[in-house]
Amino acid sequence: MSRSFEPRNSFMGSHGQYQLLPFRFHRLDKQTELLVNECGEYLFAPTGTVETITRRKLTVEEELYATLKAKHFIYDEYSSPLLDILASKYRTKYEFVYGSTKLHIFVVTLRCDHSCHYCQVSRQTVNKGEFDMSPEVATAAVDMMLDSPAKYITLELQGGEPLLALDVIKNVVSIAKPKAQQREKELEIVITSNLAFLSDDVLEYCKTERIKLSTSLDGPEFIHNANRPRPGNDSYRLAIEGIKRARRALGSNRVAALMTTTQLSLQHPIEIIDEYVRQSFHTIFLRPISPYGFAVKSSHKTGYEMDAFLQFYKTGLNHIIELNRKGYNLVEIYTSILLQKILTPAGTGYVDLQSPSGAGLNVLVYNYDGGVYATDESRMLAEMHDETFRLGNVLTDSRSQIFTNAPFVGLLEGACNQSLAGCSDCAFQPYCGSDPVYHHATQGDVFGHRATSGFCRRNMVVLEHLFSLLRNGDPDTLDILWGWATDRNLAEVRAGLPQ
C-alpha cells in the first residue's frame, strides 16, 4: 500500500543544508519567474530557479543563495536573526487588523436629485423626508461608532445626497464630536456630496467644523452629464463650481473627487485624466463599476467585461506616468495602494485589498433606518432584498452582538485569502484581498471561484502589469512608481477612500 504523504523526515534539511521558507511563484513570461514570500518581498529570477531551489541544487557560493537568504526565501543554521526580522515584517504587514473599525459610513438620507445610471441604491425624491436618519438612530449609531476600540475614526456622511438632509448632518456632528472628545478619540468627518446644493452656509459650516468634502467627477462635461443626469442636465457645471468654491473656503487639500468607469468612459481614458489635470487634482482613482444593487438593472447602459476595463486602466496608467514625466504630479490611487504593498512593509487601510477582509472589521455602514452593514456594498445588496450581510440594527443590537451573530460569522468564512482555493497558492496573495461580499454578489457564495472571478481577473492583470513595469521600466518610471508607494501624504488619501 502506497503512502499519501512522505514521512516527516523527508522534509527536514540535513546539517549544513538550507531549508525553504514559505513562498509562492508566478511565471511572468517564458524567461522570468516571480518569487514572492509571505511578507510580499519579491524576486525576479530566470525560469527554472524555483526548481533549482526546491530540489536543493543551490550552493552557498552562488550569489542567488545570499539574495534568497536576505529576502527570506530560504534559511540555514546561521539565519536566526534574519527570521526575527521576517516576523517583524509580517507583523507590520498585518498591522491594519489592530484597533478595529476605523471607517464609519452614515447614510443620512436616501433622497437625491441625480439619476445616475450606475447608482447602486434605491434613491428617493428630494421631498421624501421619511427616508432621513432620525435623531434616535443618529444617537445610537454614534454610540456604536465610538464603541470601536480605534483611536482614529473617520465619519463619512453620505446618501443619497446628504446635503438635502443638512439638519441630520448637523445633528450627527453635534452628537459625535463631544462624545469623541470625552472618549479621547480623534474624529475626522467627510461629507460625500454631488455639490449641487453646496451653499455658502454649508461651506461656512464645513469650515467651522473642519469637515472635508468628497465628490464625483467622471470626466469632461459630456461624460459627467451622461453618467450623472439631473434636471437641467447641469451636474458637471454644479460639480465644477462646487469644487472651486469649496477649495476657496476649505483649502485644496480638503476637497477630493472620485470617478466611476462606465461604457462611455471606456472610450475616453485620456480625456478623463486630462479633466482631472485641468481641474488641478493630483490624485485619480480609475474605478470599475460595481455589480451591486440597482446598478445591475442598468448594466445594459453602463456594464462591460472586465478585460475592457483593464485595457482602459492600462491606457490611463501609461498616460498618467507620461504626465508625471512632463512634470505634473498625478497619482493613480489603486496603483499606489498595490505599490505600497509590493514595495514597502506596510499593509493597507483599503478594505477591498485586505486579508482578513476589512468588511465589518475596518468599516461599518449605518443606514438611515438604523440597519448596520458590513460594507456599503452590503447595504446595496439589501436594497435588492438580499440581507445576507445585514449585521443588525443600532436600536436593538450592541457592537458585540453584531460581531458575534450569524451574518458576520458567515462573512468571516471567506475573509482570508490565505486559505481560499485559488488564492492560497497564488504568488499575488500577499498583495490582494478576499472581498467576500463581491463574490457573494457575483458568484453566489463568500468563497468565490477565482478562475472566473472579475475581482481576481482585475488584480491578476494589474499586478502582472505593475511587476512588468518594475522589471522593465526605465529609471524615470521606477522613480515615479517608488514615489507613489512611499509618499506619506498619500496615506491619508488611501485611508479615507470610500468603500
Protein backbone atom coordinates (compact mmCIF):
# COMPACT_ATOMS: atom_id res chain seq x y z
CA MET A 1 0.00 0.00 0.00
CA SER A 2 1.49 3.38 -1.02
CA ARG A 3 1.62 6.36 1.35
CA SER A 4 -0.36 9.55 0.58
CA PHE A 5 2.44 11.66 2.06
CA GLU A 6 6.16 11.23 2.52
CA PRO A 7 7.35 10.77 6.12
CA ARG A 8 8.23 13.89 8.10
CA ASN A 9 11.97 13.38 7.88
CA SER A 10 11.76 13.69 4.08
CA PHE A 11 11.11 17.41 4.52
CA MET A 12 13.83 18.08 7.11
CA GLY A 13 17.11 19.55 5.95
CA SER A 14 20.38 17.94 6.93
CA HIS A 15 23.18 19.78 8.74
CA GLY A 16 24.76 22.42 6.52
CA GLN A 17 21.85 22.45 4.08
CA TYR A 18 19.38 25.29 3.57
CA GLN A 19 15.67 24.90 4.18
CA LEU A 20 12.74 26.57 2.48
CA LEU A 21 10.66 29.36 3.95
CA PRO A 22 7.09 29.73 2.63
CA PHE A 23 6.97 31.39 -0.79
CA ARG A 24 4.90 31.31 -3.94
CA PHE A 25 5.86 31.87 -7.55
CA HIS A 26 4.35 33.04 -10.83
CA ARG A 27 5.70 32.76 -14.35
CA LEU A 28 5.64 36.29 -15.80
CA ASP A 29 6.85 35.11 -19.22
CA LYS A 30 8.84 32.25 -20.73
CA GLN A 31 12.09 33.66 -19.38
CA THR A 32 11.06 35.03 -15.98
CA GLU A 33 9.72 33.69 -12.70
CA LEU A 34 8.45 35.95 -9.95
CA LEU A 35 9.07 34.65 -6.42
CA VAL A 36 7.08 36.18 -3.54
CA ASN A 37 7.44 35.38 0.16
CA GLU A 38 4.85 35.63 2.96
CA CYS A 39 5.60 39.32 3.56
CA GLY A 40 5.35 40.32 -0.08
CA GLU A 41 9.09 40.62 -0.72
CA TYR A 42 9.73 39.59 -4.30
CA LEU A 43 12.49 38.47 -6.62
CA PHE A 44 12.70 38.25 -10.41
CA ALA A 45 14.58 35.12 -11.48
CA PRO A 46 15.22 33.11 -14.66
CA THR A 47 12.78 30.33 -15.44
CA GLY A 48 13.86 27.17 -13.65
CA THR A 49 15.01 28.94 -10.49
CA VAL A 50 12.16 27.59 -8.39
CA GLU A 51 13.01 24.02 -9.39
CA THR A 52 16.68 24.65 -8.58
CA ILE A 53 15.78 25.97 -5.12
CA THR A 54 13.25 23.30 -4.20
CA ARG A 55 15.43 20.42 -5.38
CA ARG A 56 18.25 21.80 -3.17
CA LYS A 57 20.57 22.28 -6.14
CA LEU A 58 21.60 25.77 -4.99
CA THR A 59 25.09 26.09 -3.49
CA VAL A 60 26.18 28.53 -0.82
CA GLU A 61 28.80 30.03 -3.13
CA GLU A 62 26.20 31.35 -5.58
CA GLU A 63 25.12 34.99 -5.39
CA LEU A 64 21.49 33.84 -5.60
CA TYR A 65 21.93 31.97 -2.32
CA ALA A 66 22.75 35.17 -0.41
CA THR A 67 19.89 37.03 -2.12
CA LEU A 68 17.32 34.37 -1.28
CA LYS A 69 18.53 34.23 2.29
CA ALA A 70 18.44 38.02 2.73
CA LYS A 71 14.94 38.21 1.25
CA HIS A 72 13.65 35.34 3.45
CA PHE A 73 13.04 32.65 0.85
CA ILE A 74 15.47 30.18 2.43
CA TYR A 75 17.22 29.83 5.75
CA ASP A 76 20.14 27.89 7.17
CA GLU A 77 21.82 27.32 10.51
CA TYR A 78 23.08 30.93 10.56
CA SER A 79 19.67 32.55 9.89
CA SER A 80 18.19 33.04 13.36
CA PRO A 81 18.42 36.89 13.48
CA LEU A 82 17.02 37.10 9.96
CA LEU A 83 13.93 35.15 11.00
CA ASP A 84 13.27 37.72 13.73
CA ILE A 85 13.30 40.39 11.00
CA LEU A 86 10.86 38.34 8.95
CA ALA A 87 8.49 38.08 11.92
CA SER A 88 8.67 41.85 12.42
CA LYS A 89 7.87 42.47 8.76
CA TYR A 90 4.95 40.09 8.96
CA ARG A 91 3.50 41.92 11.97
CA THR A 92 3.93 45.24 10.17
CA LYS A 93 2.17 43.95 7.05
CA TYR A 94 -0.90 42.97 9.09
CA GLU A 95 -0.93 45.93 11.43
CA PHE A 96 -4.22 47.08 9.90
CA VAL A 97 -6.10 44.44 11.93
CA TYR A 98 -5.34 46.26 15.18
CA GLY A 99 -7.63 48.93 16.50
CA SER A 100 -10.74 47.50 14.84
CA THR A 101 -13.26 49.54 12.86
CA LYS A 102 -11.88 52.90 11.74
CA LEU A 103 -14.23 53.94 8.90
CA HIS A 104 -17.89 54.53 9.76
CA ILE A 105 -20.33 55.46 7.00
CA PHE A 106 -23.60 57.16 7.96
CA VAL A 107 -26.31 57.13 5.29
CA VAL A 108 -28.15 60.22 6.48
CA THR A 109 -30.76 60.14 3.70
CA LEU A 110 -31.78 58.26 0.58
CA ARG A 111 -33.05 61.44 -1.07
CA CYS A 112 -31.19 62.56 -4.19
CA ASP A 113 -31.69 64.90 -7.14
CA HIS A 114 -29.46 62.89 -9.52
CA SER A 115 -30.45 59.79 -11.52
CA CYS A 116 -27.01 58.26 -12.05
CA HIS A 117 -27.04 55.23 -14.34
CA TYR A 118 -24.61 53.38 -12.10
CA CYS A 119 -26.38 54.24 -8.85
CA GLN A 120 -26.27 51.26 -6.54
CA VAL A 121 -29.14 52.17 -4.21
CA SER A 122 -32.81 52.97 -4.48
CA ARG A 123 -32.76 56.76 -4.39
CA GLN A 124 -35.82 58.69 -3.24
CA THR A 125 -37.15 62.01 -4.49
CA VAL A 126 -35.98 65.16 -2.76
CA ASN A 127 -39.23 65.72 -0.84
CA LYS A 128 -39.41 62.32 0.89
CA GLY A 129 -38.15 63.21 4.34
CA GLU A 130 -39.23 59.87 5.78
CA PHE A 131 -36.01 58.46 4.28
CA ASP A 132 -33.84 60.69 6.50
CA MET A 133 -31.99 59.37 9.56
CA SER A 134 -33.93 60.09 12.74
CA PRO A 135 -32.34 61.68 15.86
CA GLU A 136 -32.85 58.41 17.73
CA VAL A 137 -30.98 56.41 15.08
CA ALA A 138 -28.25 59.06 14.83
CA THR A 139 -27.57 58.94 18.58
CA ALA A 140 -27.46 55.14 18.68
CA ALA A 141 -25.23 54.99 15.57
CA VAL A 142 -22.76 57.47 17.05
CA ASP A 143 -22.59 55.45 20.26
CA MET A 144 -21.90 52.25 18.33
CA MET A 145 -19.26 54.02 16.23
CA LEU A 146 -17.45 55.28 19.32
CA ASP A 147 -17.60 51.83 20.93
CA SER A 148 -14.96 50.82 18.40
CA PRO A 149 -11.54 50.36 20.05
CA ALA A 150 -10.00 52.50 17.28
CA LYS A 151 -8.48 55.77 18.46
CA TYR A 152 -8.58 57.38 14.99
CA ILE A 153 -12.05 57.30 13.44
CA THR A 154 -13.35 58.58 10.11
CA LEU A 155 -17.03 59.51 9.99
CA GLU A 156 -18.28 59.64 6.40
CA LEU A 157 -21.70 61.22 5.83
CA GLN A 158 -23.33 60.15 2.59
CA GLY A 159 -26.66 59.50 0.91
CA GLY A 160 -28.47 59.77 -1.40
CA GLU A 161 -27.41 63.38 -1.42
CA PRO A 162 -26.53 64.22 2.19
CA LEU A 163 -26.79 67.99 1.76
CA LEU A 164 -30.53 67.51 1.28
CA ALA A 165 -30.54 66.46 4.94
CA LEU A 166 -28.25 69.12 6.36
CA ASP A 167 -30.16 69.17 9.63
CA VAL A 168 -29.39 65.46 10.06
CA ILE A 169 -25.70 66.09 9.35
CA LYS A 170 -25.60 68.85 11.94
CA ASN A 171 -27.31 66.63 14.48
CA VAL A 172 -24.87 63.74 13.91
CA VAL A 173 -21.84 66.04 14.14
CA SER A 174 -23.14 67.78 17.26
CA ILE A 175 -23.51 64.40 18.97
CA ALA A 176 -20.31 62.79 17.66
CA LYS A 177 -17.71 65.49 18.32
CA PRO A 178 -18.18 65.99 22.07
CA LYS A 179 -18.62 62.26 22.69
CA ALA A 180 -15.43 61.52 20.72
CA GLN A 181 -13.59 64.08 22.80
CA GLN A 182 -14.88 62.51 26.00
CA ARG A 183 -13.58 59.13 24.89
CA GLU A 184 -10.26 60.63 23.75
CA LYS A 185 -10.78 59.64 20.13
CA GLU A 186 -9.68 61.67 17.12
CA LEU A 187 -12.55 62.16 14.67
CA GLU A 188 -12.25 63.11 11.01
CA ILE A 189 -15.50 63.99 9.24
CA VAL A 190 -16.15 63.79 5.49
CA ILE A 191 -19.30 64.65 3.56
CA THR A 192 -19.69 62.79 0.24
CA SER A 193 -21.82 65.05 -1.97
CA ASN A 194 -22.60 65.81 -5.61
CA LEU A 195 -22.26 69.52 -4.57
CA ALA A 196 -25.48 70.56 -6.31
CA PHE A 197 -26.74 72.01 -3.01
CA LEU A 198 -23.46 73.49 -1.81
CA SER A 199 -24.50 76.87 -0.39
CA ASP A 200 -22.31 79.46 1.30
CA ASP A 201 -23.89 78.46 4.61
CA VAL A 202 -22.85 74.84 4.06
CA LEU A 203 -19.31 75.91 3.28
CA GLU A 204 -19.16 78.07 6.37
CA TYR A 205 -20.44 75.18 8.45
CA CYS A 206 -17.83 72.80 6.97
CA LYS A 207 -15.10 75.34 7.64
CA THR A 208 -16.19 75.83 11.25
CA GLU A 209 -16.48 72.10 11.94
CA ARG A 210 -13.34 71.14 9.97
CA ILE A 211 -15.31 68.87 7.62
CA LYS A 212 -13.83 67.61 4.36
CA LEU A 213 -15.78 67.24 1.12
CA SER A 214 -15.65 64.40 -1.38
CA THR A 215 -17.47 64.46 -4.69
CA SER A 216 -17.79 62.66 -8.01
CA LEU A 217 -16.08 63.81 -11.20
CA ASP A 218 -16.46 61.30 -14.01
CA GLY A 219 -14.52 63.31 -16.57
CA PRO A 220 -15.26 66.13 -19.00
CA GLU A 221 -18.73 67.60 -19.29
CA PHE A 222 -20.14 65.22 -21.92
CA ILE A 223 -19.18 62.17 -19.84
CA HIS A 224 -20.12 63.52 -16.43
CA ASN A 225 -23.55 64.75 -17.55
CA ALA A 226 -24.26 61.47 -19.36
CA ASN A 227 -23.25 59.37 -16.35
CA ARG A 228 -24.89 61.58 -13.74
CA PRO A 229 -28.09 63.10 -15.17
CA ARG A 230 -30.22 65.55 -13.18
CA PRO A 231 -32.96 68.06 -14.08
CA GLY A 232 -31.35 70.78 -16.16
CA ASN A 233 -28.53 68.49 -17.35
CA ASP A 234 -26.05 70.61 -15.41
CA SER A 235 -24.45 68.15 -12.98
CA TYR A 236 -20.96 68.87 -14.41
CA ARG A 237 -21.32 72.64 -14.06
CA LEU A 238 -22.54 72.36 -10.49
CA ALA A 239 -19.78 69.91 -9.56
CA ILE A 240 -17.00 72.10 -11.01
CA GLU A 241 -18.40 75.28 -9.47
CA GLY A 242 -18.76 73.47 -6.14
CA ILE A 243 -15.19 72.17 -6.26
CA LYS A 244 -13.81 75.64 -6.91
CA ARG A 245 -15.89 77.28 -4.17
CA ALA A 246 -15.06 74.53 -1.67
CA ARG A 247 -11.35 74.89 -2.36
CA ARG A 248 -11.50 78.63 -1.75
CA ALA A 249 -13.40 78.15 1.50
CA LEU A 250 -11.76 75.00 2.91
CA GLY A 251 -8.43 74.62 1.11
CA SER A 252 -7.47 72.43 -1.84
CA ASN A 253 -6.36 69.52 0.33
CA ARG A 254 -9.82 69.23 1.89
CA VAL A 255 -11.70 68.58 -1.36
CA ALA A 256 -11.42 65.22 -3.14
CA ALA A 257 -13.03 63.67 -6.22
CA LEU A 258 -13.67 60.13 -7.45
CA MET A 259 -14.73 58.79 -10.83
CA THR A 260 -16.63 55.69 -11.91
CA THR A 261 -15.96 53.96 -15.23
CA THR A 262 -18.97 53.31 -17.44
CA GLN A 263 -19.29 52.08 -21.04
CA LEU A 264 -18.92 55.66 -22.22
CA SER A 265 -15.86 56.21 -20.03
CA LEU A 266 -14.04 53.25 -21.58
CA GLN A 267 -13.70 55.13 -24.84
CA HIS A 268 -12.12 58.22 -23.29
CA PRO A 269 -9.38 57.42 -20.71
CA ILE A 270 -7.14 60.27 -21.88
CA GLU A 271 -9.94 62.86 -21.80
CA ILE A 272 -10.98 61.80 -18.27
CA ILE A 273 -7.45 62.04 -16.92
CA ASP A 274 -6.86 65.38 -18.64
CA GLU A 275 -10.02 66.70 -17.00
CA TYR A 276 -8.55 65.90 -13.58
CA VAL A 277 -5.41 67.77 -14.57
CA ARG A 278 -7.46 70.69 -15.88
CA GLN A 279 -9.25 70.88 -12.52
CA SER A 280 -5.89 70.77 -10.64
CA PHE A 281 -6.41 67.40 -8.97
CA HIS A 282 -3.31 65.39 -8.11
CA THR A 283 -4.98 62.03 -7.48
CA ILE A 284 -7.33 59.97 -9.61
CA PHE A 285 -8.89 56.57 -8.93
CA LEU A 286 -9.66 54.59 -12.09
CA ARG A 287 -12.55 52.58 -10.63
CA PRO A 288 -14.61 49.90 -12.41
CA ILE A 289 -18.35 49.91 -11.98
CA SER A 290 -19.67 47.92 -9.02
CA PRO A 291 -22.01 44.95 -9.59
CA TYR A 292 -24.40 45.78 -6.76
CA GLY A 293 -27.91 46.98 -6.17
CA PHE A 294 -29.77 48.91 -8.82
CA ALA A 295 -26.60 49.35 -10.88
CA VAL A 296 -27.24 45.78 -12.07
CA LYS A 297 -30.59 46.81 -13.58
CA SER A 298 -28.89 49.47 -15.72
CA SER A 299 -25.97 47.26 -16.74
CA HIS A 300 -27.07 47.46 -20.39
CA LYS A 301 -26.18 51.16 -20.22
CA THR A 302 -23.13 51.03 -18.01
CA GLY A 303 -21.79 47.47 -17.77
CA TYR A 304 -18.85 45.90 -19.61
CA GLU A 305 -16.45 42.99 -19.47
CA MET A 306 -13.51 43.23 -17.07
CA ASP A 307 -11.00 42.94 -19.93
CA ALA A 308 -12.39 46.15 -21.44
CA PHE A 309 -11.82 47.94 -18.14
CA LEU A 310 -8.29 46.56 -17.89
CA GLN A 311 -7.40 48.00 -21.28
CA PHE A 312 -8.87 51.32 -20.11
CA TYR A 313 -6.77 51.10 -16.95
CA LYS A 314 -3.51 50.33 -18.77
CA THR A 315 -4.02 53.12 -21.28
CA GLY A 316 -4.89 55.53 -18.48
CA LEU A 317 -1.94 54.49 -16.31
CA ASN A 318 0.51 54.95 -19.18
CA HIS A 319 -0.89 58.45 -19.76
CA ILE A 320 -0.62 59.30 -16.06
CA ILE A 321 3.00 58.16 -15.97
CA GLU A 322 3.71 60.29 -19.03
CA LEU A 323 2.14 63.32 -17.35
CA ASN A 324 4.43 62.75 -14.37
CA ARG A 325 7.41 62.61 -16.71
CA LYS A 326 6.42 66.01 -18.03
CA GLY A 327 6.31 67.45 -14.51
CA TYR A 328 2.63 67.19 -13.44
CA ASN A 329 2.23 65.19 -10.23
CA LEU A 330 -0.79 62.91 -10.67
CA VAL A 331 -1.18 59.63 -8.78
CA GLU A 332 -3.44 56.71 -9.72
CA ILE A 333 -4.68 55.66 -6.29
CA TYR A 334 -5.37 51.95 -6.84
CA THR A 335 -1.89 51.57 -8.30
CA SER A 336 -0.37 53.39 -5.35
CA ILE A 337 -2.15 51.06 -2.89
CA LEU A 338 -0.76 47.99 -4.64
CA LEU A 339 2.71 49.53 -4.94
CA GLN A 340 2.70 50.30 -1.23
CA LYS A 341 2.03 46.62 -0.56
CA ILE A 342 4.68 45.50 -3.08
CA LEU A 343 7.49 47.91 -2.28
CA THR A 344 7.10 48.64 1.45
CA PRO A 345 6.48 46.60 4.62
CA ALA A 346 3.21 48.46 5.22
CA GLY A 347 -0.25 46.99 4.78
CA THR A 348 -3.26 48.97 3.59
CA GLY A 349 -6.39 50.54 5.04
CA TYR A 350 -8.26 49.91 1.79
CA VAL A 351 -10.93 47.32 2.61
CA ASP A 352 -11.09 45.60 -0.81
CA LEU A 353 -7.40 44.65 -0.65
CA GLN A 354 -7.29 43.37 2.90
CA SER A 355 -6.99 39.82 4.15
CA PRO A 356 -8.61 39.21 6.56
CA SER A 357 -11.26 41.21 4.76
CA GLY A 358 -11.93 44.63 6.21
CA ALA A 359 -15.69 44.18 5.84
CA GLY A 360 -17.04 44.91 9.30
CA LEU A 361 -13.60 44.77 10.86
CA ASN A 362 -12.43 48.03 9.28
CA VAL A 363 -15.66 49.58 8.01
CA LEU A 364 -19.27 49.65 9.17
CA VAL A 365 -22.25 51.27 7.48
CA TYR A 366 -25.22 52.69 9.37
CA ASN A 367 -28.29 53.05 7.19
CA TYR A 368 -30.84 55.84 7.67
CA ASP A 369 -33.21 53.32 9.33
CA GLY A 370 -30.58 52.03 11.78
CA GLY A 371 -29.58 48.93 9.84
CA VAL A 372 -25.89 48.07 10.24
CA TYR A 373 -24.00 46.58 7.31
CA ALA A 374 -20.52 45.14 6.85
CA THR A 375 -19.78 47.41 3.87
CA ASP A 376 -21.57 49.91 1.68
CA GLU A 377 -21.85 47.14 -0.92
CA SER A 378 -23.67 45.03 1.68
CA ARG A 379 -26.22 47.81 2.06
CA MET A 380 -26.61 47.95 -1.71
CA LEU A 381 -27.36 44.23 -1.80
CA ALA A 382 -30.03 44.78 0.86
CA GLU A 383 -31.70 47.29 -1.47
CA MET A 384 -32.20 44.32 -3.79
CA HIS A 385 -33.70 42.25 -0.94
CA ASP A 386 -30.50 40.35 -0.17
CA GLU A 387 -29.81 40.98 3.51
CA THR A 388 -27.04 38.40 3.87
CA PHE A 389 -24.67 40.96 5.36
CA ARG A 390 -27.10 42.96 7.43
CA LEU A 391 -25.44 42.67 10.84
CA GLY A 392 -28.19 44.14 12.99
CA ASN A 393 -29.74 47.46 13.96
CA VAL A 394 -28.32 50.21 16.17
CA LEU A 395 -31.64 50.45 18.05
CA THR A 396 -31.71 46.79 19.07
CA ASP A 397 -28.17 45.41 18.88
CA SER A 398 -24.87 46.19 20.58
CA ARG A 399 -21.48 46.22 18.89
CA SER A 400 -20.61 42.88 20.48
CA GLN A 401 -23.85 41.36 19.17
CA ILE A 402 -23.30 42.41 15.55
CA PHE A 403 -19.80 40.91 15.63
CA THR A 404 -20.93 37.56 17.01
CA ASN A 405 -24.09 36.94 15.00
CA ALA A 406 -24.53 34.55 12.08
CA PRO A 407 -24.16 37.11 9.22
CA PHE A 408 -20.75 38.29 10.44
CA VAL A 409 -19.51 34.78 11.22
CA GLY A 410 -20.60 33.73 7.72
CA LEU A 411 -18.71 36.67 6.26
CA LEU A 412 -15.54 35.63 8.11
CA GLU A 413 -15.61 32.21 6.49
CA GLY A 414 -14.43 33.77 3.23
CA ALA A 415 -12.43 36.61 4.73
CA CYS A 416 -8.88 35.24 4.48
CA ASN A 417 -7.37 34.69 1.05
CA GLN A 418 -4.57 32.71 2.71
CA SER A 419 -7.00 29.78 2.93
CA LEU A 420 -9.15 30.25 -0.18
CA ALA A 421 -8.86 27.88 -3.13
CA GLY A 422 -7.11 29.67 -5.96
CA CYS A 423 -5.63 32.26 -3.59
CA SER A 424 -3.63 30.20 -1.13
CA ASP A 425 -1.08 29.16 -3.76
CA CYS A 426 -1.16 32.40 -5.81
CA ALA A 427 2.03 34.47 -5.89
CA PHE A 428 -0.04 37.64 -5.63
CA GLN A 429 -1.81 36.59 -2.41
CA PRO A 430 0.17 38.98 -0.12
CA TYR A 431 -0.90 41.96 -2.24
CA CYS A 432 -4.54 41.04 -2.77
CA GLY A 433 -7.72 40.70 -0.73
CA SER A 434 -10.61 38.28 -0.46
CA ASP A 435 -13.69 40.53 -0.89
CA PRO A 436 -16.34 38.00 0.22
CA VAL A 437 -19.18 40.48 -0.39
CA TYR A 438 -18.23 40.85 -4.06
CA HIS A 439 -18.04 37.10 -4.56
CA HIS A 440 -21.36 36.53 -2.83
CA ALA A 441 -22.94 39.12 -5.13
CA THR A 442 -21.38 37.82 -8.35
CA GLN A 443 -20.87 34.10 -7.73
CA GLY A 444 -23.29 33.12 -5.01
CA ASP A 445 -21.03 32.48 -2.01
CA VAL A 446 -18.37 34.25 0.07
CA PHE A 447 -15.59 31.97 -1.19
CA GLY A 448 -15.90 32.62 -4.89
CA HIS A 449 -14.44 30.79 -7.85
CA ARG A 450 -11.18 32.55 -8.61
CA ALA A 451 -10.81 31.24 -12.15
CA THR A 452 -13.97 33.12 -13.20
CA SER A 453 -13.86 35.98 -10.67
CA GLY A 454 -13.82 39.54 -12.02
CA PHE A 455 -12.10 40.64 -8.82
CA CYS A 456 -9.36 38.08 -9.34
CA ARG A 457 -9.03 38.87 -13.05
CA ARG A 458 -8.64 42.58 -12.35
CA ASN A 459 -5.96 42.17 -9.71
CA MET A 460 -4.03 39.47 -11.56
CA VAL A 461 -3.72 41.59 -14.69
CA VAL A 462 -2.99 44.83 -12.83
CA LEU A 463 -0.32 43.17 -10.67
CA GLU A 464 1.29 41.48 -13.67
CA HIS A 465 1.39 44.86 -15.39
CA LEU A 466 2.93 46.59 -12.37
CA PHE A 467 5.59 43.90 -11.97
CA SER A 468 6.38 44.23 -15.66
CA LEU A 469 6.90 47.97 -15.15
CA LEU A 470 9.06 47.34 -12.08
CA ARG A 471 11.18 44.85 -14.00
CA ASN A 472 11.45 46.60 -17.36
CA GLY A 473 10.71 50.24 -16.60
CA ASP A 474 13.24 52.98 -17.25
CA PRO A 475 14.69 54.93 -14.29
CA ASP A 476 12.10 57.74 -14.59
CA THR A 477 9.20 55.28 -14.47
CA LEU A 478 10.69 53.49 -11.47
CA ASP A 479 11.20 56.80 -9.65
CA ILE A 480 7.54 57.69 -10.26
CA LEU A 481 6.26 54.31 -9.01
CA TRP A 482 8.50 54.32 -5.94
CA GLY A 483 7.31 57.85 -5.18
CA TRP A 484 3.68 56.71 -5.27
CA ALA A 485 4.44 53.84 -2.89
CA THR A 486 6.35 55.88 -0.32
CA ASP A 487 4.67 59.32 -0.37
CA ARG A 488 3.41 59.84 3.18
CA ASN A 489 0.88 62.41 2.00
CA LEU A 490 -0.92 59.65 0.09
CA ALA A 491 -1.50 57.62 3.24
CA GLU A 492 -4.29 59.97 4.30
CA VAL A 493 -5.88 59.76 0.84
CA ARG A 494 -5.79 55.95 0.87
CA ALA A 495 -7.17 55.71 4.40
CA GLY A 496 -10.15 57.94 3.60
CA LEU A 497 -11.28 56.18 0.44
CA PRO A 498 -14.99 55.36 0.38
CA GLN A 499 -15.52 51.64 0.13
